[in-house]
Amino acid sequence: MKARIGLLLAAALLAACSNLAPIGQPDIAKVISITDTHAICGVVPVNMLYEDSQGMRHSMSYRVLGDGCHDN
């Protein structure tokens, strides 16, 4: 019985993950804009607007360590 439950859970997880985009490098031909982090200290969200090699615009969000962390 436990084995069947495990198989059902694994199948459900596989089905849920099958719609995810493959992980890899994005097709970035040109960066249009990116969030300025020069005055922020700490981990902050960044948004980047870019154009791919086909001329389509996309946005990407990720987190970076801001550039405003300085020893005084």
PDB file of N, CA and C in Angstrom:
ATOM      1  N   MET A   1       0.825  -1.199   0.000  1.00  0.00           N
ATOM      2  CA  MET A   1       0.000   0.000   0.000  1.00  0.00           C
ATOM      3  C   MET A   1       0.868   1.263   0.000  1.00  0.00           C
ATOM      4  N   LYS A   2       1.930   1.284   0.841  1.00  0.00           N
ATOM      5  CA  LYS A   2       2.814   2.453   0.888  1.00  0.00           C
ATOM      6  C   LYS A   2       3.517   2.664  -0.446  1.00  0.00           C
ATOM      7  N   ALA A   3       3.862   1.567  -1.097  1.00  0.00           N
ATOM      8  CA  ALA A   3       4.535   1.676  -2.394  1.00  0.00           C
ATOM      9  C   ALA A   3       3.606   2.307  -3.432  1.00  0.00           C
ATOM     10  N   ARG A   4       2.326   1.937  -3.408  1.00  0.00           N
ATOM     11  CA  ARG A   4       1.369   2.506  -4.356  1.00  0.00           C
ATOM     12  C   ARG A   4       1.173   4.001  -4.104  1.00  0.00           C
ATOM     13  N   ILE A   5       1.105   4.385  -2.839  1.00  0.00           N
ATOM     14  CA  ILE A   5       0.951   5.803  -2.500  1.00  0.00           C
ATOM     15  C   ILE A   5       2.178   6.571  -2.980  1.00  0.00           C
ATOM     16  N   GLY A   6       3.369   6.007  -2.761  1.00  0.00           N
ATOM     17  CA  GLY A   6       4.599   6.643  -3.227  1.00  0.00           C
ATOM     18  C   GLY A   6       4.619   6.813  -4.733  1.00  0.00           C
ATOM     19  N   LEU A   7       4.176   5.780  -5.456  1.00  0.00           N
ATOM     20  CA  LEU A   7       4.125   5.859  -6.918  1.00  0.00           C
ATOM     21  C   LEU A   7       3.117   6.910  -7.389  1.00  0.00           C
ATOM     22  N   LEU A   8       1.970   6.971  -6.712  1.00  0.00           N
ATOM     23  CA  LEU A   8       0.968   7.968  -7.076  1.00  0.00           C
ATOM     24  C   LEU A   8       1.486   9.387  -6.826  1.00  0.00           C
ATOM     25  N   LEU A   9       2.184   9.583  -5.705  1.00  0.00           N
ATOM     26  CA  LEU A   9       2.748  10.896  -5.411  1.00  0.00           C
ATOM     27  C   LEU A   9       3.828  11.267  -6.430  1.00  0.00           C
ATOM     28  N   ALA A  10       4.669  10.317  -6.795  1.00  0.00           N
ATOM     29  CA  ALA A  10       5.710  10.568  -7.786  1.00  0.00           C
ATOM     30  C   ALA A  10       5.093  10.904  -9.141  1.00  0.00           C
ATOM     31  N   ALA A  11       4.044  10.204  -9.520  1.00  0.00           N
ATOM     32  CA  ALA A  11       3.370  10.481 -10.787  1.00  0.00           C
ATOM     33  C   ALA A  11       2.726  11.863 -10.780  1.00  0.00           C
ATOM     34  N   ALA A  12       2.118  12.236  -9.648  1.00  0.00           N
ATOM     35  CA  ALA A  12       1.501  13.561  -9.541  1.00  0.00           C
ATOM     36  C   ALA A  12       2.560  14.661  -9.624  1.00  0.00           C
ATOM     37  N   LEU A  13       3.700  14.448  -8.975  1.00  0.00           N
ATOM     38  CA  LEU A  13       4.778  15.428  -9.019  1.00  0.00           C
ATOM     39  C   LEU A  13       5.326  15.563 -10.438  1.00  0.00           C
ATOM     40  N   LEU A  14       5.513  14.464 -11.115  1.00  0.00           N
ATOM     41  CA  LEU A  14       5.997  14.489 -12.491  1.00  0.00           C
ATOM     42  C   LEU A  14       5.014  15.220 -13.407  1.00  0.00           C
ATOM     43  N   ALA A  15       3.732  14.972 -13.227  1.00  0.00           N
ATOM     44  CA  ALA A  15       2.716  15.645 -14.046  1.00  0.00           C
ATOM     45  C   ALA A  15       2.704  17.143 -13.768  1.00  0.00           C
ATOM     46  N   ALA A  16       2.863  17.528 -12.505  1.00  0.00           N
ATOM     47  CA  ALA A  16       2.862  18.949 -12.149  1.00  0.00           C
ATOM     48  C   ALA A  16       4.085  19.666 -12.713  1.00  0.00           C
ATOM     49  N   CYS A  17       5.218  18.995 -12.756  1.00  0.00           N
ATOM     50  CA  CYS A  17       6.462  19.612 -13.228  1.00  0.00           C
ATOM     51  C   CYS A  17       6.612  19.569 -14.739  1.00  0.00           C
ATOM     52  N   SER A  18       5.796  18.832 -15.431  1.00  0.00           N
ATOM     53  CA  SER A  18       5.959  18.694 -16.878  1.00  0.00           C
ATOM     54  C   SER A  18       5.632  19.981 -17.630  1.00  0.00           C
ATOM     55  N   ASN A  19       4.925  20.910 -16.993  1.00  0.00           N
ATOM     56  CA  ASN A  19       4.575  22.172 -17.645  1.00  0.00           C
ATOM     57  C   ASN A  19       5.616  23.253 -17.407  1.00  0.00           C
ATOM     58  N   LEU A  20       6.654  22.990 -16.642  1.00  0.00           N
ATOM     59  CA  LEU A  20       7.676  23.980 -16.357  1.00  0.00           C
ATOM     60  C   LEU A  20       8.602  24.151 -17.554  1.00  0.00           C
ATOM     61  N   ALA A  21       9.078  25.366 -17.744  1.00  0.00           N
ATOM     62  CA  ALA A  21      10.030  25.631 -18.820  1.00  0.00           C
ATOM     63  C   ALA A  21      11.367  24.985 -18.491  1.00  0.00           C
ATOM     64  N   PRO A  22      12.086  24.531 -19.500  1.00  0.00           N
ATOM     65  CA  PRO A  22      13.398  23.943 -19.236  1.00  0.00           C
ATOM     66  C   PRO A  22      14.361  24.990 -18.676  1.00  0.00           C
ATOM     67  N   ILE A  23      15.238  24.532 -17.804  1.00  0.00           N
ATOM     68  CA  ILE A  23      16.227  25.437 -17.211  1.00  0.00           C
ATOM     69  C   ILE A  23      17.406  25.543 -18.158  1.00  0.00           C
ATOM     70  N   GLY A  24      17.843  26.745 -18.408  1.00  0.00           N
ATOM     71  CA  GLY A  24      18.965  26.975 -19.297  1.00  0.00           C
ATOM     72  C   GLY A  24      19.223  28.461 -19.412  1.00  0.00           C
ATOM     73  N   GLN A  25      20.094  28.824 -20.306  1.00  0.00           N
ATOM     74  CA  GLN A  25      20.392  30.230 -20.515  1.00  0.00           C
ATOM     75  C   GLN A  25      19.307  30.875 -21.360  1.00  0.00           C
ATOM     76  N   PRO A  26      18.811  32.049 -20.922  1.00  0.00           N
ATOM     77  CA  PRO A  26      17.831  32.744 -21.754  1.00  0.00           C
ATOM     78  C   PRO A  26      18.496  33.333 -23.001  1.00  0.00           C
ATOM     79  N   ASP A  27      17.714  33.539 -24.021  1.00  0.00           N
ATOM     80  CA  ASP A  27      18.183  34.114 -25.278  1.00  0.00           C
ATOM     81  C   ASP A  27      18.143  35.644 -25.141  1.00  0.00           C
ATOM     82  N   ILE A  28      19.216  36.241 -24.638  1.00  0.00           N
ATOM     83  CA  ILE A  28      19.278  37.689 -24.432  1.00  0.00           C
ATOM     84  C   ILE A  28      20.189  38.294 -25.492  1.00  0.00           C
ATOM     85  N   ALA A  29      19.581  39.006 -26.439  1.00  0.00           N
ATOM     86  CA  ALA A  29      20.360  39.676 -27.473  1.00  0.00           C
ATOM     87  C   ALA A  29      20.689  41.103 -27.069  1.00  0.00           C
ATOM     88  N   LYS A  30      19.760  41.747 -26.338  1.00  0.00           N
ATOM     89  CA  LYS A  30      19.959  43.151 -25.971  1.00  0.00           C
ATOM     90  C   LYS A  30      19.211  43.436 -24.664  1.00  0.00           C
ATOM     91  N   VAL A  31      19.894  44.034 -23.693  1.00  0.00           N
ATOM     92  CA  VAL A  31      19.255  44.448 -22.446  1.00  0.00           C
ATOM     93  C   VAL A  31      18.676  45.842 -22.651  1.00  0.00           C
ATOM     94  N   ILE A  32      17.386  45.990 -22.394  1.00  0.00           N
ATOM     95  CA  ILE A  32      16.696  47.271 -22.554  1.00  0.00           C
ATOM     96  C   ILE A  32      16.815  48.087 -21.264  1.00  0.00           C
ATOM     97  N   SER A  33      16.520  47.471 -20.124  1.00  0.00           N
ATOM     98  CA  SER A  33      16.633  48.157 -18.837  1.00  0.00           C
ATOM     99  C   SER A  33      16.834  47.138 -17.728  1.00  0.00           C
ATOM    100  N   ILE A  34      17.393  47.627 -16.622  1.00  0.00           N
ATOM    101  CA  ILE A  34      17.626  46.789 -15.454  1.00  0.00           C
ATOM    102  C   ILE A  34      17.509  47.673 -14.215  1.00  0.00           C
ATOM    103  N   THR A  35      16.982  47.125 -13.128  1.00  0.00           N
ATOM    104  CA  THR A  35      16.802  47.880 -11.898  1.00  0.00           C
ATOM    105  C   THR A  35      18.146  48.366 -11.372  1.00  0.00           C
ATOM    106  N   ASP A  36      18.201  49.637 -10.986  1.00  0.00           N
ATOM    107  CA  ASP A  36      19.420  50.232 -10.429  1.00  0.00           C
ATOM    108  C   ASP A  36      19.530  49.854  -8.954  1.00  0.00           C
ATOM    109  N   THR A  37      20.645  49.269  -8.558  1.00  0.00           N
ATOM    110  CA  THR A  37      20.845  48.850  -7.163  1.00  0.00           C
ATOM    111  C   THR A  37      22.045  49.537  -6.525  1.00  0.00           C
ATOM    112  N   HIS A  38      22.557  50.608  -7.109  1.00  0.00           N
ATOM    113  CA  HIS A  38      23.798  51.208  -6.609  1.00  0.00           C
ATOM    114  C   HIS A  38      23.648  51.846  -5.230  1.00  0.00           C
ATOM    115  N   ALA A  39      22.448  52.225  -4.835  1.00  0.00           N
ATOM    116  CA  ALA A  39      22.261  52.887  -3.541  1.00  0.00           C
ATOM    117  C   ALA A  39      21.575  51.989  -2.512  1.00  0.00           C
ATOM    118  N   ILE A  40      21.412  50.708  -2.823  1.00  0.00           N
ATOM    119  CA  ILE A  40      20.693  49.787  -1.945  1.00  0.00           C
ATOM    120  C   ILE A  40      21.657  48.763  -1.374  1.00  0.00           C
ATOM    121  N   CYS A  41      21.551  48.514  -0.066  1.00  0.00           N
ATOM    122  CA  CYS A  41      22.374  47.503   0.590  1.00  0.00           C
ATOM    123  C   CYS A  41      21.490  46.330   0.981  1.00  0.00           C
ATOM    124  N   GLY A  42      21.918  45.144   0.675  1.00  0.00           N
ATOM    125  CA  GLY A  42      21.164  43.940   1.007  1.00  0.00           C
ATOM    126  C   GLY A  42      20.705  43.237  -0.250  1.00  0.00           C
ATOM    127  N   VAL A  43      20.016  42.129  -0.045  1.00  0.00           N
ATOM    128  CA  VAL A  43      19.489  41.354  -1.164  1.00  0.00           C
ATOM    129  C   VAL A  43      18.179  42.007  -1.613  1.00  0.00           C
ATOM    130  N   VAL A  44      18.108  42.333  -2.892  1.00  0.00           N
ATOM    131  CA  VAL A  44      16.955  43.058  -3.427  1.00  0.00           C
ATOM    132  C   VAL A  44      16.472  42.412  -4.726  1.00  0.00           C
ATOM    133  N   PRO A  45      15.176  42.580  -5.034  1.00  0.00           N
ATOM    134  CA  PRO A  45      14.684  42.080  -6.319  1.00  0.00           C
ATOM    135  C   PRO A  45      15.123  42.998  -7.453  1.00  0.00           C
ATOM    136  N   VAL A  46      15.431  42.408  -8.580  1.00  0.00           N
ATOM    137  CA  VAL A  46      15.842  43.147  -9.774  1.00  0.00           C
ATOM    138  C   VAL A  46      14.947  42.699 -10.923  1.00  0.00           C
ATOM    139  N   ASN A  47      14.562  43.643 -11.746  1.00  0.00           N
ATOM    140  CA  ASN A  47      13.798  43.337 -12.963  1.00  0.00           C
ATOM    141  C   ASN A  47      14.628  43.751 -14.164  1.00  0.00           C
ATOM    142  N   MET A  48      14.718  42.860 -15.126  1.00  0.00           N
ATOM    143  CA  MET A  48      15.448  43.156 -16.352  1.00  0.00           C
ATOM    144  C   MET A  48      14.495  42.996 -17.530  1.00  0.00           C
ATOM    145  N   LEU A  49      14.466  44.000 -18.376  1.00  0.00           N
ATOM    146  CA  LEU A  49      13.714  43.956 -19.623  1.00  0.00           C
ATOM    147  C   LEU A  49      14.733  43.732 -20.734  1.00  0.00           C
ATOM    148  N   TYR A  50      14.506  42.715 -21.556  1.00  0.00           N
ATOM    149  CA  TYR A  50      15.473  42.401 -22.603  1.00  0.00           C
ATOM    150  C   TYR A  50      14.775  41.986 -23.885  1.00  0.00           C
ATOM    151  N   GLU A  51      15.533  41.996 -24.954  1.00  0.00           N
ATOM    152  CA  GLU A  51      15.080  41.577 -26.268  1.00  0.00           C
ATOM    153  C   GLU A  51      15.820  40.302 -26.636  1.00  0.00           C
ATOM    154  N   ASP A  52      15.100  39.312 -27.179  1.00  0.00           N
ATOM    155  CA  ASP A  52      15.763  38.082 -27.608  1.00  0.00           C
ATOM    156  C   ASP A  52      16.235  38.216 -29.054  1.00  0.00           C
ATOM    157  N   SER A  53      16.832  37.172 -29.585  1.00  0.00           N
ATOM    158  CA  SER A  53      17.399  37.229 -30.938  1.00  0.00           C
ATOM    159  C   SER A  53      16.331  37.355 -32.020  1.00  0.00           C
ATOM    160  N   GLN A  54      15.061  37.122 -31.655  1.00  0.00           N
ATOM    161  CA  GLN A  54      13.956  37.266 -32.602  1.00  0.00           C
ATOM    162  C   GLN A  54      13.309  38.650 -32.521  1.00  0.00           C
ATOM    163  N   GLY A  55      13.814  39.504 -31.615  1.00  0.00           N
ATOM    164  CA  GLY A  55      13.265  40.845 -31.454  1.00  0.00           C
ATOM    165  C   GLY A  55      12.099  40.936 -30.475  1.00  0.00           C
ATOM    166  N   MET A  56      11.764  39.832 -29.815  1.00  0.00           N
ATOM    167  CA  MET A  56      10.668  39.820 -28.841  1.00  0.00           C
ATOM    168  C   MET A  56      11.184  40.325 -27.496  1.00  0.00           C
ATOM    169  N   ARG A  57      10.370  41.108 -26.793  1.00  0.00           N
ATOM    170  CA  ARG A  57      10.751  41.625 -25.476  1.00  0.00           C
ATOM    171  C   ARG A  57      10.233  40.712 -24.378  1.00  0.00           C
ATOM    172  N   HIS A  58      11.077  40.543 -23.366  1.00  0.00           N
ATOM    173  CA  HIS A  58      10.752  39.705 -22.214  1.00  0.00           C
ATOM    174  C   HIS A  58      11.202  40.427 -20.958  1.00  0.00           C
ATOM    175  N   SER A  59      10.640  40.021 -19.812  1.00  0.00           N
ATOM    176  CA  SER A  59      11.143  40.537 -18.546  1.00  0.00           C
ATOM    177  C   SER A  59      11.530  39.363 -17.672  1.00  0.00           C
ATOM    178  N   MET A  60      12.533  39.584 -16.844  1.00  0.00           N
ATOM    179  CA  MET A  60      13.051  38.560 -15.953  1.00  0.00           C
ATOM    180  C   MET A  60      13.231  39.183 -14.578  1.00  0.00           C
ATOM    181  N   SER A  61      12.840  38.482 -13.547  1.00  0.00           N
ATOM    182  CA  SER A  61      13.022  38.942 -12.177  1.00  0.00           C
ATOM    183  C   SER A  61      13.939  37.972 -11.446  1.00  0.00           C
ATOM    184  N   TYR A  62      14.846  38.535 -10.666  1.00  0.00           N
ATOM    185  CA  TYR A  62      15.761  37.728  -9.858  1.00  0.00           C
ATOM    186  C   TYR A  62      16.245  38.584  -8.707  1.00  0.00           C
ATOM    187  N   ARG A  63      17.022  38.023  -7.811  1.00  0.00           N
ATOM    188  CA  ARG A  63      17.500  38.743  -6.630  1.00  0.00           C
ATOM    189  C   ARG A  63      19.014  38.867  -6.675  1.00  0.00           C
ATOM    190  N   VAL A  64      19.512  40.045  -6.263  1.00  0.00           N
ATOM    191  CA  VAL A  64      20.951  40.299  -6.230  1.00  0.00           C
ATOM    192  C   VAL A  64      21.299  41.012  -4.926  1.00  0.00           C
ATOM    193  N   LEU A  65      22.587  41.062  -4.614  1.00  0.00           N
ATOM    194  CA  LEU A  65      23.077  41.857  -3.497  1.00  0.00           C
ATOM    195  C   LEU A  65      23.310  43.256  -4.028  1.00  0.00           C
ATOM    196  N   GLY A  66      22.629  44.257  -3.440  1.00  0.00           N
ATOM    197  CA  GLY A  66      22.750  45.637  -3.891  1.00  0.00           C
ATOM    198  C   GLY A  66      24.181  46.139  -3.784  1.00  0.00           C
ATOM    199  N   ASP A  67      24.525  47.120  -4.624  1.00  0.00           N
ATOM    200  CA  ASP A  67      25.876  47.677  -4.670  1.00  0.00           C
ATOM    201  C   ASP A  67      26.126  48.739  -3.600  1.00  0.00           C
ATOM    202  N   GLY A  68      25.127  49.074  -2.784  1.00  0.00           N
ATOM    203  CA  GLY A  68      25.275  50.158  -1.809  1.00  0.00           C
ATOM    204  C   GLY A  68      25.838  49.736  -0.469  1.00  0.00           C
ATOM    205  N   CYS A  69      26.361  48.548  -0.356  1.00  0.00           N
ATOM    206  CA  CYS A  69      26.925  48.074   0.915  1.00  0.00           C
ATOM    207  C   CYS A  69      28.406  48.452   0.979  1.00  0.00           C
ATOM    208  N   HIS A  70      28.742  49.426   1.812  1.00  0.00           N
ATOM    209  CA  HIS A  70      30.122  49.882   1.941  1.00  0.00           C
ATOM    210  C   HIS A  70      30.516  49.940   3.412  1.00  0.00           C
ATOM    211  N   ASP A  71      31.762  49.630   3.726  1.00  0.00           N
ATOM    212  CA  ASP A  71      32.288  49.801   5.084  1.00  0.00           C
ATOM    213  C   ASP A  71      32.599  51.275   5.268  1.00  0.00           C
ATOM    214  N   ASN A  72      32.053  51.860   6.316  1.00  0.00           N
ATOM    215  CA  ASN A  72      32.317  53.278   6.574  1.00  0.00           C
ATOM    216  C   ASN A  72      33.291  53.443   7.696  1.00  0.00           C
TER     217      ASN A  72
END
